[in-house]
């Protein structure tokens, strides 16, 4: 899954948003929702975050989005801070992908 989060201005907001997400994940009382890993990439212009998240199944991601009623995560104050983070625009997106091929340089 790829989550694209966009910000109104080029400043430290993307990094602060990532820190807020990590704090919410760490404090979430529901731990086993099928999330395997999450990788956060902040754009060089400081206006966007791409989150590449791996889930154990497509259904696990669907269930996680539906569980709290407003995105991944429990209805905690930490997740509310993520959802209401200042400067996030409505231009983001969520897309799911299926594994197709693995490439490791230098291996035949």
PDB file of N, CA and C in Angstrom:
ATOM      1  N   UNK A   1       0.836  -1.155   0.000  1.00  0.00           N
ATOM      2  CA  UNK A   1       0.000   0.000   0.000  1.00  0.00           C
ATOM      3  C   UNK A   1       0.894   1.235   0.000  1.00  0.00           C
ATOM      4  N   UNK A   2       0.492   2.235  -0.753  1.00  0.00           N
ATOM      5  CA  UNK A   2       1.195   3.509  -0.794  1.00  0.00           C
ATOM      6  C   UNK A   2       0.231   4.593  -0.319  1.00  0.00           C
ATOM      7  N   UNK A   3       0.672   5.354   0.673  1.00  0.00           N
ATOM      8  CA  UNK A   3      -0.088   6.516   1.138  1.00  0.00           C
ATOM      9  C   UNK A   3       0.717   7.742   0.760  1.00  0.00           C
ATOM     10  N   UNK A   4       0.079   8.661   0.076  1.00  0.00           N
ATOM     11  CA  UNK A   4       0.691   9.911  -0.358  1.00  0.00           C
ATOM     12  C   UNK A   4       0.054  11.026   0.464  1.00  0.00           C
ATOM     13  N   UNK A   5       0.860  11.704   1.289  1.00  0.00           N
ATOM     14  CA  UNK A   5       0.365  12.791   2.136  1.00  0.00           C
ATOM     15  C   UNK A   5       1.030  14.076   1.678  1.00  0.00           C
ATOM     16  N   UNK A   6       0.226  15.090   1.429  1.00  0.00           N
ATOM     17  CA  UNK A   6       0.759  16.361   0.929  1.00  0.00           C
ATOM     18  C   UNK A   6       0.547  17.467   1.955  1.00  0.00           C
ATOM     19  N   UNK A   7       1.473  18.422   1.921  1.00  0.00           N
ATOM     20  CA  UNK A   7       1.482  19.497   2.900  1.00  0.00           C
ATOM     21  C   UNK A   7       1.408  20.850   2.199  1.00  0.00           C
ATOM     22  N   UNK A   8       0.814  21.830   2.885  1.00  0.00           N
ATOM     23  CA  UNK A   8       0.612  23.157   2.313  1.00  0.00           C
ATOM     24  C   UNK A   8       1.911  23.888   2.026  1.00  0.00           C
ATOM     25  N   UNK A   9       2.903  23.721   2.876  1.00  0.00           N
ATOM     26  CA  UNK A   9       4.144  24.476   2.703  1.00  0.00           C
ATOM     27  C   UNK A   9       5.361  23.572   2.881  1.00  0.00           C
ATOM     28  N   UNK A  10       6.473  24.059   2.366  1.00  0.00           N
ATOM     29  CA  UNK A  10       7.734  23.328   2.472  1.00  0.00           C
ATOM     30  C   UNK A  10       8.427  23.732   3.769  1.00  0.00           C
ATOM     31  N   UNK A  11       8.282  22.899   4.787  1.00  0.00           N
ATOM     32  CA  UNK A  11       8.918  23.170   6.073  1.00  0.00           C
ATOM     33  C   UNK A  11       9.181  21.839   6.767  1.00  0.00           C
ATOM     34  N   UNK A  12       9.215  21.826   8.075  1.00  0.00           N
ATOM     35  CA  UNK A  12       9.476  20.589   8.814  1.00  0.00           C
ATOM     36  C   UNK A  12       8.218  19.769   9.075  1.00  0.00           C
ATOM     37  N   UNK A  13       7.082  20.174   8.516  1.00  0.00           N
ATOM     38  CA  UNK A  13       5.825  19.469   8.765  1.00  0.00           C
ATOM     39  C   UNK A  13       5.846  18.000   8.362  1.00  0.00           C
ATOM     40  N   UNK A  14       6.390  17.637   7.192  1.00  0.00           N
ATOM     41  CA  UNK A  14       6.389  16.216   6.842  1.00  0.00           C
ATOM     42  C   UNK A  14       7.121  15.345   7.863  1.00  0.00           C
ATOM     43  N   UNK A  15       8.276  15.783   8.297  1.00  0.00           N
ATOM     44  CA  UNK A  15       9.026  15.000   9.292  1.00  0.00           C
ATOM     45  C   UNK A  15       8.269  14.937  10.615  1.00  0.00           C
ATOM     46  N   UNK A  16       7.675  16.042  11.016  1.00  0.00           N
ATOM     47  CA  UNK A  16       6.900  16.070  12.258  1.00  0.00           C
ATOM     48  C   UNK A  16       5.677  15.163  12.140  1.00  0.00           C
ATOM     49  N   UNK A  17       5.061  15.112  10.958  1.00  0.00           N
ATOM     50  CA  UNK A  17       3.908  14.220  10.751  1.00  0.00           C
ATOM     51  C   UNK A  17       4.347  12.767  10.884  1.00  0.00           C
ATOM     52  N   UNK A  18       5.480  12.406  10.273  1.00  0.00           N
ATOM     53  CA  UNK A  18       5.998  11.037  10.387  1.00  0.00           C
ATOM     54  C   UNK A  18       6.242  10.696  11.851  1.00  0.00           C
ATOM     55  N   UNK A  19       6.865  11.600  12.607  1.00  0.00           N
ATOM     56  CA  UNK A  19       7.095  11.368  14.035  1.00  0.00           C
ATOM     57  C   UNK A  19       5.782  11.160  14.779  1.00  0.00           C
ATOM     58  N   UNK A  20       4.750  11.895  14.389  1.00  0.00           N
ATOM     59  CA  UNK A  20       3.428  11.762  15.006  1.00  0.00           C
ATOM     60  C   UNK A  20       2.819  10.400  14.692  1.00  0.00           C
ATOM     61  N   UNK A  21       2.967   9.942  13.455  1.00  0.00           N
ATOM     62  CA  UNK A  21       2.478   8.609  13.070  1.00  0.00           C
ATOM     63  C   UNK A  21       3.206   7.528  13.861  1.00  0.00           C
ATOM     64  N   UNK A  22       4.531   7.644  13.968  1.00  0.00           N
ATOM     65  CA  UNK A  22       5.298   6.637  14.709  1.00  0.00           C
ATOM     66  C   UNK A  22       4.887   6.595  16.179  1.00  0.00           C
ATOM     67  N   UNK A  23       4.632   7.745  16.771  1.00  0.00           N
ATOM     68  CA  UNK A  23       4.169   7.791  18.164  1.00  0.00           C
ATOM     69  C   UNK A  23       2.789   7.140  18.290  1.00  0.00           C
ATOM     70  N   UNK A  24       1.921   7.368  17.306  1.00  0.00           N
ATOM     71  CA  UNK A  24       0.585   6.761  17.332  1.00  0.00           C
ATOM     72  C   UNK A  24       0.677   5.243  17.181  1.00  0.00           C
ATOM     73  N   UNK A  25       1.527   4.780  16.279  1.00  0.00           N
ATOM     74  CA  UNK A  25       1.712   3.337  16.118  1.00  0.00           C
ATOM     75  C   UNK A  25       2.237   2.708  17.402  1.00  0.00           C
ATOM     76  N   UNK A  26       3.202   3.378  18.020  1.00  0.00           N
ATOM     77  CA  UNK A  26       3.826   2.851  19.231  1.00  0.00           C
ATOM     78  C   UNK A  26       2.859   2.791  20.404  1.00  0.00           C
ATOM     79  N   UNK A  27       1.905   3.702  20.452  1.00  0.00           N
ATOM     80  CA  UNK A  27       0.985   3.768  21.591  1.00  0.00           C
ATOM     81  C   UNK A  27      -0.349   3.066  21.331  1.00  0.00           C
ATOM     82  N   UNK A  28      -0.538   2.551  20.124  1.00  0.00           N
ATOM     83  CA  UNK A  28      -1.826   1.943  19.775  1.00  0.00           C
ATOM     84  C   UNK A  28      -2.068   0.688  20.608  1.00  0.00           C
ATOM     85  N   UNK A  29      -3.208   0.603  21.303  1.00  0.00           N
ATOM     86  CA  UNK A  29      -3.491  -0.568  22.131  1.00  0.00           C
ATOM     87  C   UNK A  29      -3.765  -1.839  21.319  1.00  0.00           C
ATOM     88  N   UNK A  30      -4.129  -1.690  20.051  1.00  0.00           N
ATOM     89  CA  UNK A  30      -4.368  -2.846  19.185  1.00  0.00           C
ATOM     90  C   UNK A  30      -3.134  -3.011  18.307  1.00  0.00           C
ATOM     91  N   UNK A  31      -2.315  -4.009  18.626  1.00  0.00           N
ATOM     92  CA  UNK A  31      -1.027  -4.165  17.958  1.00  0.00           C
ATOM     93  C   UNK A  31      -1.074  -5.035  16.710  1.00  0.00           C
ATOM     94  N   UNK A  32      -1.783  -6.123  16.727  1.00  0.00           N
ATOM     95  CA  UNK A  32      -1.716  -7.089  15.635  1.00  0.00           C
ATOM     96  C   UNK A  32      -2.862  -6.879  14.659  1.00  0.00           C
ATOM     97  N   UNK A  33      -2.670  -5.928  13.742  1.00  0.00           N
ATOM     98  CA  UNK A  33      -3.686  -5.676  12.724  1.00  0.00           C
ATOM     99  C   UNK A  33      -3.226  -6.127  11.349  1.00  0.00           C
ATOM    100  N   UNK A  34      -2.083  -6.806  11.274  1.00  0.00           N
ATOM    101  CA  UNK A  34      -1.593  -7.287   9.992  1.00  0.00           C
ATOM    102  C   UNK A  34      -0.547  -6.400   9.345  1.00  0.00           C
ATOM    103  N   UNK A  35      -0.168  -5.305   9.996  1.00  0.00           N
ATOM    104  CA  UNK A  35       0.875  -4.443   9.454  1.00  0.00           C
ATOM    105  C   UNK A  35       2.234  -5.119   9.638  1.00  0.00           C
ATOM    106  N   UNK A  36       2.958  -5.304   8.541  1.00  0.00           N
ATOM    107  CA  UNK A  36       4.271  -5.935   8.580  1.00  0.00           C
ATOM    108  C   UNK A  36       5.359  -4.879   8.730  1.00  0.00           C
ATOM    109  N   UNK A  37       5.290  -3.836   7.907  1.00  0.00           N
ATOM    110  CA  UNK A  37       6.295  -2.776   7.973  1.00  0.00           C
ATOM    111  C   UNK A  37       5.750  -1.504   7.337  1.00  0.00           C
ATOM    112  N   UNK A  38       6.387  -0.392   7.677  1.00  0.00           N
ATOM    113  CA  UNK A  38       6.023   0.899   7.090  1.00  0.00           C
ATOM    114  C   UNK A  38       7.310   1.676   6.836  1.00  0.00           C
ATOM    115  N   UNK A  39       7.439   2.186   5.633  1.00  0.00           N
ATOM    116  CA  UNK A  39       8.613   2.952   5.230  1.00  0.00           C
ATOM    117  C   UNK A  39       8.140   4.346   4.817  1.00  0.00           C
ATOM    118  N   UNK A  40       8.737   5.365   5.408  1.00  0.00           N
ATOM    119  CA  UNK A  40       8.329   6.741   5.147  1.00  0.00           C
ATOM    120  C   UNK A  40       9.409   7.459   4.350  1.00  0.00           C
ATOM    121  N   UNK A  41       9.010   8.119   3.283  1.00  0.00           N
ATOM    122  CA  UNK A  41       9.924   8.869   2.427  1.00  0.00           C
ATOM    123  C   UNK A  41       9.426  10.312   2.353  1.00  0.00           C
ATOM    124  N   UNK A  42      10.273  11.267   2.755  1.00  0.00           N
ATOM    125  CA  UNK A  42       9.926  12.681   2.701  1.00  0.00           C
ATOM    126  C   UNK A  42      10.528  13.262   1.427  1.00  0.00           C
ATOM    127  N   UNK A  43       9.719  13.994   0.659  1.00  0.00           N
ATOM    128  CA  UNK A  43      10.200  14.552  -0.604  1.00  0.00           C
ATOM    129  C   UNK A  43      11.295  15.582  -0.359  1.00  0.00           C
ATOM    130  N   UNK A  44      12.121  15.762  -1.358  1.00  0.00           N
ATOM    131  CA  UNK A  44      13.228  16.710  -1.244  1.00  0.00           C
ATOM    132  C   UNK A  44      12.744  18.154  -1.173  1.00  0.00           C
ATOM    133  N   UNK A  45      11.539  18.425  -1.663  1.00  0.00           N
ATOM    134  CA  UNK A  45      11.024  19.793  -1.576  1.00  0.00           C
ATOM    135  C   UNK A  45      10.273  20.052  -0.268  1.00  0.00           C
ATOM    136  N   UNK A  46      10.161  19.017   0.598  1.00  0.00           N
ATOM    137  CA  UNK A  46       9.550  19.197   1.907  1.00  0.00           C
ATOM    138  C   UNK A  46       8.052  19.394   1.906  1.00  0.00           C
ATOM    139  N   UNK A  47       7.365  18.916   0.868  1.00  0.00           N
ATOM    140  CA  UNK A  47       5.917  19.116   0.783  1.00  0.00           C
ATOM    141  C   UNK A  47       5.115  17.814   0.681  1.00  0.00           C
ATOM    142  N   UNK A  48       5.788  16.672   0.820  1.00  0.00           N
ATOM    143  CA  UNK A  48       5.086  15.408   0.601  1.00  0.00           C
ATOM    144  C   UNK A  48       5.759  14.274   1.367  1.00  0.00           C
ATOM    145  N   UNK A  49       4.937  13.319   1.813  1.00  0.00           N
ATOM    146  CA  UNK A  49       5.427  12.080   2.411  1.00  0.00           C
ATOM    147  C   UNK A  49       4.801  10.927   1.656  1.00  0.00           C
ATOM    148  N   UNK A  50       5.624   9.958   1.257  1.00  0.00           N
ATOM    149  CA  UNK A  50       5.122   8.702   0.723  1.00  0.00           C
ATOM    150  C   UNK A  50       5.382   7.640   1.779  1.00  0.00           C
ATOM    151  N   UNK A  51       4.336   6.926   2.128  1.00  0.00           N
ATOM    152  CA  UNK A  51       4.448   5.828   3.083  1.00  0.00           C
ATOM    153  C   UNK A  51       4.184   4.540   2.328  1.00  0.00           C
ATOM    154  N   UNK A  52       5.213   3.686   2.269  1.00  0.00           N
ATOM    155  CA  UNK A  52       5.068   2.358   1.675  1.00  0.00           C
ATOM    156  C   UNK A  52       4.879   1.395   2.824  1.00  0.00           C
ATOM    157  N   UNK A  53       3.685   0.844   2.948  1.00  0.00           N
ATOM    158  CA  UNK A  53       3.365  -0.058   4.047  1.00  0.00           C
ATOM    159  C   UNK A  53       3.078  -1.451   3.496  1.00  0.00           C
ATOM    160  N   UNK A  54       3.631  -2.447   4.177  1.00  0.00           N
ATOM    161  CA  UNK A  54       3.380  -3.839   3.799  1.00  0.00           C
ATOM    162  C   UNK A  54       2.427  -4.460   4.815  1.00  0.00           C
ATOM    163  N   UNK A  55       1.412  -5.129   4.315  1.00  0.00           N
ATOM    164  CA  UNK A  55       0.406  -5.798   5.143  1.00  0.00           C
ATOM    165  C   UNK A  55       0.436  -7.281   4.820  1.00  0.00           C
ATOM    166  N   UNK A  56       0.021  -8.111   5.767  1.00  0.00           N
ATOM    167  CA  UNK A  56       0.060  -9.550   5.500  1.00  0.00           C
ATOM    168  C   UNK A  56      -0.999  -9.988   4.499  1.00  0.00           C
ATOM    169  N   UNK A  57      -1.997  -9.134   4.249  1.00  0.00           N
ATOM    170  CA  UNK A  57      -2.994  -9.412   3.207  1.00  0.00           C
ATOM    171  C   UNK A  57      -3.731  -8.120   2.870  1.00  0.00           C
ATOM    172  N   UNK A  58      -4.364  -8.113   1.709  1.00  0.00           N
ATOM    173  CA  UNK A  58      -5.193  -6.970   1.338  1.00  0.00           C
ATOM    174  C   UNK A  58      -6.343  -6.805   2.333  1.00  0.00           C
ATOM    175  N   UNK A  59      -6.909  -7.925   2.774  1.00  0.00           N
ATOM    176  CA  UNK A  59      -8.021  -7.880   3.722  1.00  0.00           C
ATOM    177  C   UNK A  59      -7.595  -7.265   5.055  1.00  0.00           C
ATOM    178  N   UNK A  60      -6.364  -7.524   5.494  1.00  0.00           N
ATOM    179  CA  UNK A  60      -5.883  -6.937   6.745  1.00  0.00           C
ATOM    180  C   UNK A  60      -5.877  -5.414   6.657  1.00  0.00           C
ATOM    181  N   UNK A  61      -5.498  -4.881   5.497  1.00  0.00           N
ATOM    182  CA  UNK A  61      -5.515  -3.429   5.313  1.00  0.00           C
ATOM    183  C   UNK A  61      -6.941  -2.898   5.277  1.00  0.00           C
ATOM    184  N   UNK A  62      -7.819  -3.580   4.565  1.00  0.00           N
ATOM    185  CA  UNK A  62      -9.235  -3.188   4.525  1.00  0.00           C
ATOM    186  C   UNK A  62      -9.812  -3.171   5.941  1.00  0.00           C
ATOM    187  N   UNK A  63      -9.536  -4.212   6.709  1.00  0.00           N
ATOM    188  CA  UNK A  63     -10.041  -4.306   8.085  1.00  0.00           C
ATOM    189  C   UNK A  63      -9.470  -3.197   8.964  1.00  0.00           C
ATOM    190  N   UNK A  64      -8.189  -2.894   8.795  1.00  0.00           N
ATOM    191  CA  UNK A  64      -7.558  -1.848   9.607  1.00  0.00           C
ATOM    192  C   UNK A  64      -8.165  -0.483   9.307  1.00  0.00           C
ATOM    193  N   UNK A  65      -8.464  -0.221   8.046  1.00  0.00           N
ATOM    194  CA  UNK A  65      -9.100   1.048   7.690  1.00  0.00           C
ATOM    195  C   UNK A  65     -10.509   1.148   8.267  1.00  0.00           C
ATOM    196  N   UNK A  66     -11.215   0.035   8.321  1.00  0.00           N
ATOM    197  CA  UNK A  66     -12.597   0.038   8.797  1.00  0.00           C
ATOM    198  C   UNK A  66     -12.708   0.004  10.323  1.00  0.00           C
ATOM    199  N   UNK A  67     -11.684  -0.492  11.007  1.00  0.00           N
ATOM    200  CA  UNK A  67     -11.771  -0.727  12.456  1.00  0.00           C
ATOM    201  C   UNK A  67     -12.074   0.519  13.257  1.00  0.00           C
ATOM    202  N   UNK A  68     -11.356   1.606  13.001  1.00  0.00           N
ATOM    203  CA  UNK A  68     -11.542   2.819  13.800  1.00  0.00           C
ATOM    204  C   UNK A  68     -12.566   3.754  13.169  1.00  0.00           C
ATOM    205  N   UNK A  69     -12.959   3.465  11.953  1.00  0.00           N
ATOM    206  CA  UNK A  69     -13.953   4.289  11.295  1.00  0.00           C
ATOM    207  C   UNK A  69     -13.394   5.517  10.601  1.00  0.00           C
ATOM    208  N   UNK A  70     -12.104   5.825  10.784  1.00  0.00           N
ATOM    209  CA  UNK A  70     -11.537   7.022  10.159  1.00  0.00           C
ATOM    210  C   UNK A  70     -10.054   6.823   9.865  1.00  0.00           C
ATOM    211  N   UNK A  71      -9.706   5.778   9.147  1.00  0.00           N
ATOM    212  CA  UNK A  71      -8.318   5.500   8.832  1.00  0.00           C
ATOM    213  C   UNK A  71      -7.726   4.455   9.754  1.00  0.00           C
ATOM    214  N   UNK A  72      -6.490   4.072   9.475  1.00  0.00           N
ATOM    215  CA  UNK A  72      -5.792   3.065  10.269  1.00  0.00           C
ATOM    216  C   UNK A  72      -5.542   3.609  11.666  1.00  0.00           C
ATOM    217  N   UNK A  73      -5.634   2.743  12.655  1.00  0.00           N
ATOM    218  CA  UNK A  73      -5.332   3.134  14.031  1.00  0.00           C
ATOM    219  C   UNK A  73      -6.563   3.177  14.909  1.00  0.00           C
ATOM    220  N   UNK A  74      -6.324   2.967  16.180  1.00  0.00           N
ATOM    221  CA  UNK A  74      -7.397   2.996  17.171  1.00  0.00           C
ATOM    222  C   UNK A  74      -7.853   4.431  17.409  1.00  0.00           C
ATOM    223  N   UNK A  75      -9.035   4.609  17.974  1.00  0.00           N
ATOM    224  CA  UNK A  75      -9.517   5.965  18.268  1.00  0.00           C
ATOM    225  C   UNK A  75      -8.832   6.538  19.516  1.00  0.00           C
ATOM    226  N   UNK A  76      -7.543   6.838  19.390  1.00  0.00           N
ATOM    227  CA  UNK A  76      -6.754   7.361  20.501  1.00  0.00           C
ATOM    228  C   UNK A  76      -6.397   8.826  20.236  1.00  0.00           C
ATOM    229  N   UNK A  77      -5.995   9.543  21.269  1.00  0.00           N
ATOM    230  CA  UNK A  77      -5.557  10.932  21.060  1.00  0.00           C
ATOM    231  C   UNK A  77      -4.371  11.030  20.103  1.00  0.00           C
ATOM    232  N   UNK A  78      -3.477  10.035  20.124  1.00  0.00           N
ATOM    233  CA  UNK A  78      -2.316  10.054  19.227  1.00  0.00           C
ATOM    234  C   UNK A  78      -2.738   9.955  17.761  1.00  0.00           C
ATOM    235  N   UNK A  79      -3.674   9.057  17.464  1.00  0.00           N
ATOM    236  CA  UNK A  79      -4.153   8.944  16.081  1.00  0.00           C
ATOM    237  C   UNK A  79      -4.976  10.154  15.679  1.00  0.00           C
ATOM    238  N   UNK A  80      -5.694  10.759  16.616  1.00  0.00           N
ATOM    239  CA  UNK A  80      -6.439  11.986  16.305  1.00  0.00           C
ATOM    240  C   UNK A  80      -5.455  13.087  15.879  1.00  0.00           C
ATOM    241  N   UNK A  81      -4.287  13.173  16.550  1.00  0.00           N
ATOM    242  CA  UNK A  81      -3.271  14.163  16.164  1.00  0.00           C
ATOM    243  C   UNK A  81      -2.776  13.913  14.735  1.00  0.00           C
ATOM    244  N   UNK A  82      -2.643  12.638  14.361  1.00  0.00           N
ATOM    245  CA  UNK A  82      -2.231  12.315  12.984  1.00  0.00           C
ATOM    246  C   UNK A  82      -3.295  12.800  12.011  1.00  0.00           C
ATOM    247  N   UNK A  83      -4.538  12.471  12.276  1.00  0.00           N
ATOM    248  CA  UNK A  83      -5.637  12.804  11.360  1.00  0.00           C
ATOM    249  C   UNK A  83      -5.895  14.296  11.264  1.00  0.00           C
ATOM    250  N   UNK A  84      -5.599  15.034  12.330  1.00  0.00           N
ATOM    251  CA  UNK A  84      -5.862  16.474  12.363  1.00  0.00           C
ATOM    252  C   UNK A  84      -4.576  17.293  12.273  1.00  0.00           C
ATOM    253  N   UNK A  85      -3.508  16.707  11.766  1.00  0.00           N
ATOM    254  CA  UNK A  85      -2.215  17.377  11.715  1.00  0.00           C
ATOM    255  C   UNK A  85      -2.311  18.652  10.880  1.00  0.00           C
ATOM    256  N   UNK A  86      -1.846  19.770  11.420  1.00  0.00           N
ATOM    257  CA  UNK A  86      -1.948  21.043  10.683  1.00  0.00           C
ATOM    258  C   UNK A  86      -1.076  21.050   9.424  1.00  0.00           C
ATOM    259  N   UNK A  87      -1.617  21.639   8.361  1.00  0.00           N
ATOM    260  CA  UNK A  87      -0.867  21.786   7.123  1.00  0.00           C
ATOM    261  C   UNK A  87      -1.028  20.664   6.130  1.00  0.00           C
ATOM    262  N   UNK A  88      -1.716  19.577   6.510  1.00  0.00           N
ATOM    263  CA  UNK A  88      -1.955  18.479   5.566  1.00  0.00           C
ATOM    264  C   UNK A  88      -3.075  18.907   4.623  1.00  0.00           C
ATOM    265  N   UNK A  89      -2.844  18.750   3.326  1.00  0.00           N
ATOM    266  CA  UNK A  89      -3.865  19.111   2.344  1.00  0.00           C
ATOM    267  C   UNK A  89      -4.730  17.897   2.009  1.00  0.00           C
ATOM    268  N   UNK A  90      -5.767  18.119   1.266  1.00  0.00           N
ATOM    269  CA  UNK A  90      -6.668  17.025   0.887  1.00  0.00           C
ATOM    270  C   UNK A  90      -6.226  16.361  -0.406  1.00  0.00           C
ATOM    271  N   UNK A  91      -5.038  16.694  -0.920  1.00  0.00           N
ATOM    272  CA  UNK A  91      -4.584  16.156  -2.198  1.00  0.00           C
ATOM    273  C   UNK A  91      -3.905  14.806  -2.129  1.00  0.00           C
ATOM    274  N   UNK A  92      -3.885  14.156  -0.971  1.00  0.00           N
ATOM    275  CA  UNK A  92      -3.211  12.873  -0.831  1.00  0.00           C
ATOM    276  C   UNK A  92      -4.026  11.723  -1.393  1.00  0.00           C
ATOM    277  N   UNK A  93      -3.459  10.522  -1.276  1.00  0.00           N
ATOM    278  CA  UNK A  93      -4.154   9.350  -1.801  1.00  0.00           C
ATOM    279  C   UNK A  93      -3.663   8.083  -1.113  1.00  0.00           C
ATOM    280  N   UNK A  94      -4.448   7.015  -1.287  1.00  0.00           N
ATOM    281  CA  UNK A  94      -4.092   5.678  -0.829  1.00  0.00           C
ATOM    282  C   UNK A  94      -4.270   4.742  -2.012  1.00  0.00           C
ATOM    283  N   UNK A  95      -3.283   3.897  -2.263  1.00  0.00           N
ATOM    284  CA  UNK A  95      -3.370   2.928  -3.359  1.00  0.00           C
ATOM    285  C   UNK A  95      -2.789   1.604  -2.890  1.00  0.00           C
ATOM    286  N   UNK A  96      -3.426   0.512  -3.307  1.00  0.00           N
ATOM    287  CA  UNK A  96      -2.929  -0.831  -2.981  1.00  0.00           C
ATOM    288  C   UNK A  96      -2.290  -1.445  -4.216  1.00  0.00           C
ATOM    289  N   UNK A  97      -1.242  -2.211  -3.976  1.00  0.00           N
ATOM    290  CA  UNK A  97      -0.536  -2.910  -5.046  1.00  0.00           C
ATOM    291  C   UNK A  97      -0.316  -4.348  -4.626  1.00  0.00           C
ATOM    292  N   UNK A  98      -0.187  -5.235  -5.603  1.00  0.00           N
ATOM    293  CA  UNK A  98       0.156  -6.631  -5.343  1.00  0.00           C
ATOM    294  C   UNK A  98       1.598  -6.860  -5.776  1.00  0.00           C
ATOM    295  N   UNK A  99       2.291  -7.722  -5.045  1.00  0.00           N
ATOM    296  CA  UNK A  99       3.672  -8.058  -5.366  1.00  0.00           C
ATOM    297  C   UNK A  99       3.750  -8.687  -6.744  1.00  0.00           C
ATOM    298  N   UNK A 100       4.708  -8.231  -7.540  1.00  0.00           N
ATOM    299  CA  UNK A 100       4.866  -8.779  -8.882  1.00  0.00           C
ATOM    300  C   UNK A 100       6.248  -9.389  -9.100  1.00  0.00           C
ATOM    301  N   UNK A 101       7.308  -8.728  -8.602  1.00  0.00           N
ATOM    302  CA  UNK A 101       8.657  -9.189  -8.910  1.00  0.00           C
ATOM    303  C   UNK A 101       9.629  -8.587  -7.919  1.00  0.00           C
ATOM    304  N   UNK A 102      10.654  -9.344  -7.584  1.00  0.00           N
ATOM    305  CA  UNK A 102      11.711  -8.889  -6.683  1.00  0.00           C
ATOM    306  C   UNK A 102      13.025  -8.830  -7.465  1.00  0.00           C
ATOM    307  N   UNK A 103      13.703  -7.716  -7.396  1.00  0.00           N
ATOM    308  CA  UNK A 103      14.993  -7.541  -8.076  1.00  0.00           C
ATOM    309  C   UNK A 103      16.061  -7.219  -7.056  1.00  0.00           C
ATOM    310  N   UNK A 104      17.131  -7.992  -7.070  1.00  0.00           N
ATOM    311  CA  UNK A 104      18.288  -7.737  -6.214  1.00  0.00           C
ATOM    312  C   UNK A 104      19.481  -7.541  -7.137  1.00  0.00           C
ATOM    313  N   UNK A 105      20.055  -6.336  -7.177  1.00  0.00           N
ATOM    314  CA  UNK A 105      21.196  -6.081  -8.066  1.00  0.00           C
ATOM    315  C   UNK A 105      22.349  -7.047  -7.793  1.00  0.00           C
ATOM    316  N   UNK A 106      22.983  -7.521  -8.871  1.00  0.00           N
ATOM    317  CA  UNK A 106      24.152  -8.384  -8.748  1.00  0.00           C
ATOM    318  C   UNK A 106      23.828  -9.858  -8.582  1.00  0.00           C
ATOM    319  N   UNK A 107      22.552 -10.207  -8.578  1.00  0.00           N
ATOM    320  CA  UNK A 107      22.167 -11.624  -8.455  1.00  0.00           C
ATOM    321  C   UNK A 107      21.502 -12.078  -9.734  1.00  0.00           C
ATOM    322  N   UNK A 108      21.900 -13.218 -10.213  1.00  0.00           N
ATOM    323  CA  UNK A 108      21.314 -13.726 -11.460  1.00  0.00           C
ATOM    324  C   UNK A 108      20.126 -14.600 -11.194  1.00  0.00           C
TER     325      UNK A 108
END
